[in-house]
Amino acid sequence: MLRMVKNVGHLLYRIWFYVLVAVPIFVFLPFLLLTTLSEKTYTQFFWLARNLWAKPILYGMGCFPKIFWQQRMHRGKSYMLVANHTSMLDIMLMLYVSRNPFVFVGKKELVKIPVFGFFYKRVCIMVDREDVRSRTGVYRRAQRRLNQGLSICIFPEGGVPNENMVLDEFKDGAFKMAIAHKIPVVPMTFYDTKKRFPFTFFSGGPGRLRVKVHTFFETGILAEDDKGTLREEVRDVILNDLITNRPEK
């Protein structure tokens, strides 16, 4: 009986999440559509997504962010934002952390998500990891966005690790791109999103969402051959932090 009650609670919590995802989109639909008509209005779209979508979802779920800064980002500067990825809340949390407008690079399969997928397709850089031309095109589109003064965000695991894995291996893309464009890599550790809203259906619950923004990795003097070393150094920072700091109850 107790397990059934818990499952009902988890089900309602998950339904509530999708309600919070959808309602702001419908309420602010005209403004969202207007700000996605041109890349020139992306900063306005980002402001709407951060303040009128991501924040209400996080607070509405009872998930209150707490950020620990080792180094802060400067306004008007471009960065490569990377973090571990274990939950759909990671998207909202990344928007919460960075005041600097950025563009997500993500897999094209997310286009299939109702409502969210429509805007994802319009404002994010999509990649088909099985298609070489698609992966090559990402660099051109990222360059254009960086030239506009934006940052880029990539979850370098390339997907969600299995339930028992702390951190999957990182792909090269984020680090190759950061070196090519000479922008700092900003590693972040998301400690609690897996605990609060995992992909396992009958689980999760409200609580604090801790984030550590680590010291940046500069790429100005690096060459493309250094991407593997950079990748592993960034991964080690996040992995060691995850091992020593367990999710809160």
C-alpha atoms as a PDB file:
ATOM      1  CA  MET A   1       0.000   0.000   0.000  1.00  0.00           C
ATOM      2  CA  LEU A   2       2.789   2.445   0.925  1.00  0.00           C
ATOM      3  CA  ARG A   3       4.590   1.700  -2.323  1.00  0.00           C
ATOM      4  CA  MET A   4       1.395   2.366  -4.287  1.00  0.00           C
ATOM      5  CA  VAL A   5       0.973   5.732  -2.557  1.00  0.00           C
ATOM      6  CA  LYS A   6       4.596   6.624  -3.371  1.00  0.00           C
ATOM      7  CA  ASN A   7       4.114   5.630  -7.005  1.00  0.00           C
ATOM      8  CA  VAL A   8       1.008   7.790  -7.278  1.00  0.00           C
ATOM      9  CA  GLY A   9       2.966  10.689  -5.782  1.00  0.00           C
ATOM     10  CA  HIS A  10       5.806  10.192  -8.257  1.00  0.00           C
ATOM     11  CA  LEU A  11       3.317   9.996 -11.126  1.00  0.00           C
ATOM     12  CA  LEU A  12       1.654  13.265 -10.099  1.00  0.00           C
ATOM     13  CA  TYR A  13       5.060  14.908  -9.658  1.00  0.00           C
ATOM     14  CA  ARG A  14       6.043  13.893 -13.188  1.00  0.00           C
ATOM     15  CA  ILE A  15       2.749  15.061 -14.668  1.00  0.00           C
ATOM     16  CA  TRP A  16       3.188  18.374 -12.844  1.00  0.00           C
ATOM     17  CA  PHE A  17       6.605  18.757 -14.492  1.00  0.00           C
ATOM     18  CA  TYR A  18       5.120  18.471 -17.978  1.00  0.00           C
ATOM     19  CA  VAL A  19       2.376  20.916 -17.045  1.00  0.00           C
ATOM     20  CA  LEU A  20       5.031  23.422 -15.940  1.00  0.00           C
ATOM     21  CA  VAL A  21       6.957  22.856 -19.183  1.00  0.00           C
ATOM     22  CA  ALA A  22       3.921  23.432 -21.389  1.00  0.00           C
ATOM     23  CA  VAL A  23       1.942  26.205 -19.669  1.00  0.00           C
ATOM     24  CA  PRO A  24       4.530  29.042 -19.977  1.00  0.00           C
ATOM     25  CA  ILE A  25       5.027  28.156 -23.634  1.00  0.00           C
ATOM     26  CA  PHE A  26       1.318  28.521 -24.366  1.00  0.00           C
ATOM     27  CA  VAL A  27       0.949  31.649 -22.209  1.00  0.00           C
ATOM     28  CA  PHE A  28       3.872  33.468 -23.829  1.00  0.00           C
ATOM     29  CA  LEU A  29       3.500  31.850 -27.275  1.00  0.00           C
ATOM     30  CA  PRO A  30       3.193  35.109 -29.290  1.00  0.00           C
ATOM     31  CA  PHE A  31       6.370  36.534 -27.714  1.00  0.00           C
ATOM     32  CA  LEU A  32       8.259  33.264 -28.141  1.00  0.00           C
ATOM     33  CA  LEU A  33       7.272  33.052 -31.807  1.00  0.00           C
ATOM     34  CA  LEU A  34       8.270  36.657 -32.450  1.00  0.00           C
ATOM     35  CA  THR A  35      11.696  36.208 -30.868  1.00  0.00           C
ATOM     36  CA  THR A  36      12.423  33.081 -32.929  1.00  0.00           C
ATOM     37  CA  LEU A  37      11.722  34.703 -36.301  1.00  0.00           C
ATOM     38  CA  SER A  38      15.319  35.907 -36.563  1.00  0.00           C
ATOM     39  CA  GLU A  39      18.685  35.092 -35.011  1.00  0.00           C
ATOM     40  CA  LYS A  40      18.969  38.826 -34.227  1.00  0.00           C
ATOM     41  CA  THR A  41      16.294  38.475 -31.530  1.00  0.00           C
ATOM     42  CA  TYR A  42      17.770  35.365 -29.916  1.00  0.00           C
ATOM     43  CA  THR A  43      18.936  37.249 -26.817  1.00  0.00           C
ATOM     44  CA  GLN A  44      15.320  38.278 -26.197  1.00  0.00           C
ATOM     45  CA  PHE A  45      14.216  34.663 -26.628  1.00  0.00           C
ATOM     46  CA  PHE A  46      16.913  33.558 -24.197  1.00  0.00           C
ATOM     47  CA  TRP A  47      15.677  36.054 -21.599  1.00  0.00           C
ATOM     48  CA  LEU A  48      12.138  34.688 -21.939  1.00  0.00           C
ATOM     49  CA  ALA A  49      13.336  31.064 -21.776  1.00  0.00           C
ATOM     50  CA  ARG A  50      15.488  31.718 -18.718  1.00  0.00           C
ATOM     51  CA  ASN A  51      13.150  33.894 -16.680  1.00  0.00           C
ATOM     52  CA  LEU A  52       9.638  32.876 -17.737  1.00  0.00           C
ATOM     53  CA  TRP A  53      10.200  29.178 -18.472  1.00  0.00           C
ATOM     54  CA  ALA A  54      13.231  27.652 -16.728  1.00  0.00           C
ATOM     55  CA  LYS A  55      12.862  29.453 -13.396  1.00  0.00           C
ATOM     56  CA  PRO A  56       9.119  28.736 -12.970  1.00  0.00           C
ATOM     57  CA  ILE A  57       9.751  25.057 -13.754  1.00  0.00           C
ATOM     58  CA  LEU A  58      12.553  24.725 -11.198  1.00  0.00           C
ATOM     59  CA  TYR A  59      10.741  26.597  -8.436  1.00  0.00           C
ATOM     60  CA  GLY A  60       7.404  25.012  -9.328  1.00  0.00           C
ATOM     61  CA  MET A  61       8.968  21.569  -8.914  1.00  0.00           C
ATOM     62  CA  GLY A  62      10.267  22.585  -5.486  1.00  0.00           C
ATOM     63  CA  CYS A  63      13.841  22.368  -6.795  1.00  0.00           C
ATOM     64  CA  PHE A  64      15.745  25.409  -5.561  1.00  0.00           C
ATOM     65  CA  PRO A  65      19.140  26.073  -7.198  1.00  0.00           C
ATOM     66  CA  LYS A  66      22.256  26.861  -5.184  1.00  0.00           C
ATOM     67  CA  ILE A  67      25.330  27.858  -7.188  1.00  0.00           C
ATOM     68  CA  PHE A  68      28.924  27.647  -5.925  1.00  0.00           C
ATOM     69  CA  TRP A  69      31.206  29.784  -8.087  1.00  0.00           C
ATOM     70  CA  GLN A  70      34.945  29.169  -8.380  1.00  0.00           C
ATOM     71  CA  GLN A  71      35.091  31.614 -11.272  1.00  0.00           C
ATOM     72  CA  ARG A  72      32.433  33.861 -12.753  1.00  0.00           C
ATOM     73  CA  MET A  73      31.550  34.506 -16.369  1.00  0.00           C
ATOM     74  CA  HIS A  74      31.796  38.024 -17.771  1.00  0.00           C
ATOM     75  CA  ARG A  75      29.005  39.693 -19.701  1.00  0.00           C
ATOM     76  CA  GLY A  76      29.587  39.883 -23.444  1.00  0.00           C
ATOM     77  CA  LYS A  77      32.153  37.059 -23.540  1.00  0.00           C
ATOM     78  CA  SER A  78      31.618  33.686 -25.235  1.00  0.00           C
ATOM     79  CA  TYR A  79      32.187  30.373 -23.444  1.00  0.00           C
ATOM     80  CA  MET A  80      31.828  26.643 -23.952  1.00  0.00           C
ATOM     81  CA  LEU A  81      29.531  25.419 -21.161  1.00  0.00           C
ATOM     82  CA  VAL A  82      29.752  21.727 -20.239  1.00  0.00           C
ATOM     83  CA  ALA A  83      28.207  19.649 -17.444  1.00  0.00           C
ATOM     84  CA  ASN A  84      27.211  16.120 -16.532  1.00  0.00           C
ATOM     85  CA  HIS A  85      23.775  15.111 -17.839  1.00  0.00           C
ATOM     86  CA  THR A  86      21.349  12.864 -15.955  1.00  0.00           C
ATOM     87  CA  SER A  87      17.967  14.622 -16.032  1.00  0.00           C
ATOM     88  CA  MET A  88      15.645  16.798 -18.093  1.00  0.00           C
ATOM     89  CA  LEU A  89      16.080  19.394 -15.344  1.00  0.00           C
ATOM     90  CA  ASP A  90      19.651  19.869 -16.590  1.00  0.00           C
ATOM     91  CA  ILE A  91      18.299  22.032 -19.426  1.00  0.00           C
ATOM     92  CA  MET A  92      16.435  24.378 -17.079  1.00  0.00           C
ATOM     93  CA  LEU A  93      19.284  24.413 -14.580  1.00  0.00           C
ATOM     94  CA  MET A  94      21.832  25.401 -17.220  1.00  0.00           C
ATOM     95  CA  LEU A  95      19.561  28.262 -18.285  1.00  0.00           C
ATOM     96  CA  TYR A  96      19.326  29.331 -14.641  1.00  0.00           C
ATOM     97  CA  VAL A  97      23.097  29.268 -14.074  1.00  0.00           C
ATOM     98  CA  SER A  98      24.203  31.282 -17.093  1.00  0.00           C
ATOM     99  CA  ARG A  99      23.076  34.875 -17.508  1.00  0.00           C
ATOM    100  CA  ASN A 100      25.180  34.950 -20.677  1.00  0.00           C
ATOM    101  CA  PRO A 101      22.957  33.959 -23.607  1.00  0.00           C
ATOM    102  CA  PHE A 102      23.992  30.606 -25.049  1.00  0.00           C
ATOM    103  CA  VAL A 103      22.798  28.102 -27.634  1.00  0.00           C
ATOM    104  CA  PHE A 104      22.388  24.411 -26.886  1.00  0.00           C
ATOM    105  CA  VAL A 105      23.952  21.824 -29.183  1.00  0.00           C
ATOM    106  CA  GLY A 106      21.920  18.650 -28.835  1.00  0.00           C
ATOM    107  CA  LYS A 107      20.663  15.530 -30.527  1.00  0.00           C
ATOM    108  CA  LYS A 108      17.934  15.874 -33.129  1.00  0.00           C
ATOM    109  CA  GLU A 109      15.713  13.288 -31.387  1.00  0.00           C
ATOM    110  CA  LEU A 110      14.565  15.966 -28.898  1.00  0.00           C
ATOM    111  CA  VAL A 111      12.551  17.549 -31.713  1.00  0.00           C
ATOM    112  CA  LYS A 112       9.972  14.791 -31.136  1.00  0.00           C
ATOM    113  CA  ILE A 113       9.032  16.112 -27.677  1.00  0.00           C
ATOM    114  CA  PRO A 114       5.612  17.817 -28.005  1.00  0.00           C
ATOM    115  CA  VAL A 115       5.604  21.639 -27.696  1.00  0.00           C
ATOM    116  CA  PHE A 116       9.225  21.784 -26.464  1.00  0.00           C
ATOM    117  CA  GLY A 117      10.464  20.207 -29.694  1.00  0.00           C
ATOM    118  CA  PHE A 118       8.952  22.959 -31.843  1.00  0.00           C
ATOM    119  CA  PHE A 119      11.102  25.668 -30.230  1.00  0.00           C
ATOM    120  CA  TYR A 120      14.089  23.361 -29.793  1.00  0.00           C
ATOM    121  CA  LYS A 121      14.225  22.968 -33.558  1.00  0.00           C
ATOM    122  CA  ARG A 122      14.046  26.723 -34.116  1.00  0.00           C
ATOM    123  CA  VAL A 123      16.669  27.926 -31.640  1.00  0.00           C
ATOM    124  CA  CYS A 124      19.120  25.082 -30.935  1.00  0.00           C
ATOM    125  CA  ILE A 125      21.909  23.584 -33.037  1.00  0.00           C
ATOM    126  CA  MET A 126      20.814  20.037 -33.755  1.00  0.00           C
ATOM    127  CA  VAL A 127      23.215  17.234 -34.555  1.00  0.00           C
ATOM    128  CA  ASP A 128      22.710  13.741 -35.940  1.00  0.00           C
ATOM    129  CA  ARG A 129      25.677  11.884 -34.501  1.00  0.00           C
ATOM    130  CA  GLU A 130      25.333   9.156 -37.136  1.00  0.00           C
ATOM    131  CA  ASP A 131      25.689  11.660 -39.993  1.00  0.00           C
ATOM    132  CA  VAL A 132      29.167  13.050 -40.742  1.00  0.00           C
ATOM    133  CA  ARG A 133      27.738  16.017 -42.676  1.00  0.00           C
ATOM    134  CA  SER A 134      25.501  16.911 -39.743  1.00  0.00           C
ATOM    135  CA  ARG A 135      28.439  16.852 -37.320  1.00  0.00           C
ATOM    136  CA  THR A 136      30.488  19.030 -39.690  1.00  0.00           C
ATOM    137  CA  GLY A 137      27.622  21.488 -40.093  1.00  0.00           C
ATOM    138  CA  VAL A 138      27.477  21.999 -36.334  1.00  0.00           C
ATOM    139  CA  TYR A 139      30.851  23.768 -36.399  1.00  0.00           C
ATOM    140  CA  ARG A 140      29.703  26.222 -39.067  1.00  0.00           C
ATOM    141  CA  ARG A 141      26.487  27.042 -37.221  1.00  0.00           C
ATOM    142  CA  ALA A 142      28.351  27.368 -33.916  1.00  0.00           C
ATOM    143  CA  GLN A 143      30.839  29.767 -35.495  1.00  0.00           C
ATOM    144  CA  ARG A 144      28.001  31.982 -36.685  1.00  0.00           C
ATOM    145  CA  ARG A 145      26.461  32.046 -33.199  1.00  0.00           C
ATOM    146  CA  LEU A 146      29.812  32.784 -31.551  1.00  0.00           C
ATOM    147  CA  ASN A 147      30.314  35.654 -33.986  1.00  0.00           C
ATOM    148  CA  GLN A 148      27.035  37.036 -32.635  1.00  0.00           C
ATOM    149  CA  GLY A 149      28.537  37.098 -29.134  1.00  0.00           C
ATOM    150  CA  LEU A 150      26.709  34.018 -27.831  1.00  0.00           C
ATOM    151  CA  SER A 151      28.087  31.058 -25.883  1.00  0.00           C
ATOM    152  CA  ILE A 152      27.618  27.361 -26.669  1.00  0.00           C
ATOM    153  CA  CYS A 153      26.412  24.612 -24.328  1.00  0.00           C
ATOM    154  CA  ILE A 154      27.092  20.917 -24.896  1.00  0.00           C
ATOM    155  CA  PHE A 155      26.526  17.981 -22.548  1.00  0.00           C
ATOM    156  CA  PRO A 156      29.677  16.095 -23.610  1.00  0.00           C
ATOM    157  CA  GLU A 157      28.566  12.623 -22.531  1.00  0.00           C
ATOM    158  CA  GLY A 158      26.493  12.628 -25.711  1.00  0.00           C
ATOM    159  CA  GLY A 159      23.510  11.116 -23.912  1.00  0.00           C
ATOM    160  CA  VAL A 160      22.373   9.944 -20.509  1.00  0.00           C
ATOM    161  CA  PRO A 161      24.590   7.340 -18.762  1.00  0.00           C
ATOM    162  CA  ASN A 162      23.050   4.182 -17.369  1.00  0.00           C
ATOM    163  CA  GLU A 163      21.635   4.201 -13.854  1.00  0.00           C
ATOM    164  CA  ASN A 164      24.766   2.887 -12.125  1.00  0.00           C
ATOM    165  CA  MET A 165      27.319   5.034 -13.947  1.00  0.00           C
ATOM    166  CA  VAL A 166      28.587   8.191 -12.239  1.00  0.00           C
ATOM    167  CA  LEU A 167      29.851   9.859 -15.435  1.00  0.00           C
ATOM    168  CA  ASP A 168      30.070   8.507 -18.970  1.00  0.00           C
ATOM    169  CA  GLU A 169      33.004   9.061 -21.306  1.00  0.00           C
ATOM    170  CA  PHE A 170      33.100  12.486 -22.956  1.00  0.00           C
ATOM    171  CA  LYS A 171      32.876  13.059 -26.698  1.00  0.00           C
ATOM    172  CA  ASP A 172      35.403  15.293 -28.475  1.00  0.00           C
ATOM    173  CA  GLY A 173      32.990  17.819 -30.000  1.00  0.00           C
ATOM    174  CA  ALA A 174      32.790  20.448 -27.250  1.00  0.00           C
ATOM    175  CA  PHE A 175      36.550  20.536 -26.759  1.00  0.00           C
ATOM    176  CA  LYS A 176      37.441  20.529 -30.428  1.00  0.00           C
ATOM    177  CA  MET A 177      35.025  23.422 -30.918  1.00  0.00           C
ATOM    178  CA  ALA A 178      36.354  25.359 -27.921  1.00  0.00           C
ATOM    179  CA  ILE A 179      39.929  25.064 -29.188  1.00  0.00           C
ATOM    180  CA  ALA A 180      38.954  25.991 -32.741  1.00  0.00           C
ATOM    181  CA  HIS A 181      37.183  29.143 -31.571  1.00  0.00           C
ATOM    182  CA  LYS A 182      39.620  29.942 -28.714  1.00  0.00           C
ATOM    183  CA  ILE A 183      36.895  30.190 -26.073  1.00  0.00           C
ATOM    184  CA  PRO A 184      37.204  29.080 -22.424  1.00  0.00           C
ATOM    185  CA  VAL A 185      35.622  25.805 -21.329  1.00  0.00           C
ATOM    186  CA  VAL A 186      33.390  26.237 -18.266  1.00  0.00           C
ATOM    187  CA  PRO A 187      32.980  22.892 -16.425  1.00  0.00           C
ATOM    188  CA  MET A 188      29.961  22.551 -14.160  1.00  0.00           C
ATOM    189  CA  THR A 189      28.917  19.800 -11.773  1.00  0.00           C
ATOM    190  CA  PHE A 190      25.182  19.203 -11.378  1.00  0.00           C
ATOM    191  CA  TYR A 191      24.997  17.221  -8.139  1.00  0.00           C
ATOM    192  CA  ASP A 192      21.301  16.664  -7.534  1.00  0.00           C
ATOM    193  CA  THR A 193      19.271  16.665 -10.770  1.00  0.00           C
ATOM    194  CA  LYS A 194      19.379  12.878 -11.040  1.00  0.00           C
ATOM    195  CA  LYS A 195      17.991  12.624  -7.498  1.00  0.00           C
ATOM    196  CA  ARG A 196      15.287  15.244  -8.068  1.00  0.00           C
ATOM    197  CA  PHE A 197      14.021  14.195 -11.505  1.00  0.00           C
ATOM    198  CA  PRO A 198      15.713  11.111 -12.992  1.00  0.00           C
ATOM    199  CA  PHE A 199      14.690   9.367 -16.195  1.00  0.00           C
ATOM    200  CA  THR A 200      13.483   6.425 -14.074  1.00  0.00           C
ATOM    201  CA  PHE A 201       9.728   7.043 -14.023  1.00  0.00           C
ATOM    202  CA  PHE A 202       8.558   6.305 -10.462  1.00  0.00           C
ATOM    203  CA  SER A 203      11.229   8.315  -8.661  1.00  0.00           C
ATOM    204  CA  GLY A 204      12.323  11.850  -7.852  1.00  0.00           C
ATOM    205  CA  GLY A 205      11.143  14.601  -5.557  1.00  0.00           C
ATOM    206  CA  PRO A 206      11.688  18.239  -4.545  1.00  0.00           C
ATOM    207  CA  GLY A 207      14.824  19.563  -2.878  1.00  0.00           C
ATOM    208  CA  ARG A 208      17.890  21.720  -3.418  1.00  0.00           C
ATOM    209  CA  LEU A 209      19.776  21.678  -6.725  1.00  0.00           C
ATOM    210  CA  ARG A 210      23.468  22.340  -6.120  1.00  0.00           C
ATOM    211  CA  VAL A 211      25.757  23.432  -8.942  1.00  0.00           C
ATOM    212  CA  LYS A 212      29.493  24.082  -8.860  1.00  0.00           C
ATOM    213  CA  VAL A 213      30.965  26.256 -11.593  1.00  0.00           C
ATOM    214  CA  HIS A 214      34.614  25.232 -11.700  1.00  0.00           C
ATOM    215  CA  THR A 215      37.656  27.241 -12.704  1.00  0.00           C
ATOM    216  CA  PHE A 216      37.682  27.723 -16.466  1.00  0.00           C
ATOM    217  CA  PHE A 217      40.011  25.947 -18.881  1.00  0.00           C
ATOM    218  CA  GLU A 218      41.583  28.454 -21.267  1.00  0.00           C
ATOM    219  CA  THR A 219      42.142  27.306 -24.856  1.00  0.00           C
ATOM    220  CA  GLY A 220      44.021  30.231 -26.409  1.00  0.00           C
ATOM    221  CA  ILE A 221      47.343  28.412 -26.777  1.00  0.00           C
ATOM    222  CA  LEU A 222      45.932  24.947 -27.514  1.00  0.00           C
ATOM    223  CA  ALA A 223      45.907  23.176 -30.867  1.00  0.00           C
ATOM    224  CA  GLU A 224      43.392  20.639 -32.160  1.00  0.00           C
ATOM    225  CA  ASP A 225      45.734  17.804 -31.147  1.00  0.00           C
ATOM    226  CA  ASP A 226      45.235  18.880 -27.531  1.00  0.00           C
ATOM    227  CA  LYS A 227      41.485  18.159 -27.559  1.00  0.00           C
ATOM    228  CA  GLY A 228      41.880  14.703 -26.005  1.00  0.00           C
ATOM    229  CA  THR A 229      43.955  16.018 -23.104  1.00  0.00           C
ATOM    230  CA  LEU A 230      41.535  18.900 -22.541  1.00  0.00           C
ATOM    231  CA  ARG A 231      38.572  16.518 -22.669  1.00  0.00           C
ATOM    232  CA  GLU A 232      40.016  14.205 -20.023  1.00  0.00           C
ATOM    233  CA  GLU A 233      41.135  17.043 -17.755  1.00  0.00           C
ATOM    234  CA  VAL A 234      37.652  18.561 -17.767  1.00  0.00           C
ATOM    235  CA  ARG A 235      36.041  15.169 -17.223  1.00  0.00           C
ATOM    236  CA  ASP A 236      38.344  14.432 -14.274  1.00  0.00           C
ATOM    237  CA  VAL A 237      37.314  17.684 -12.574  1.00  0.00           C
ATOM    238  CA  ILE A 238      33.616  16.844 -12.826  1.00  0.00           C
ATOM    239  CA  LEU A 239      34.047  13.140 -12.025  1.00  0.00           C
ATOM    240  CA  ASN A 240      36.155  13.727  -8.909  1.00  0.00           C
ATOM    241  CA  ASP A 241      33.644  16.290  -7.706  1.00  0.00           C
ATOM    242  CA  LEU A 242      30.734  13.899  -8.218  1.00  0.00           C
ATOM    243  CA  ILE A 243      32.543  11.157  -6.316  1.00  0.00           C
ATOM    244  CA  THR A 244      33.304  13.360  -3.301  1.00  0.00           C
ATOM    245  CA  ASN A 245      29.938  15.166  -3.173  1.00  0.00           C
ATOM    246  CA  ARG A 246      26.912  12.901  -3.046  1.00  0.00           C
ATOM    247  CA  PRO A 247      23.375  14.077  -3.909  1.00  0.00           C
ATOM    248  CA  GLU A 248      21.414  15.584  -1.042  1.00  0.00           C
ATOM    249  CA  LYS A 249      18.416  13.741   0.408  1.00  0.00           C
END
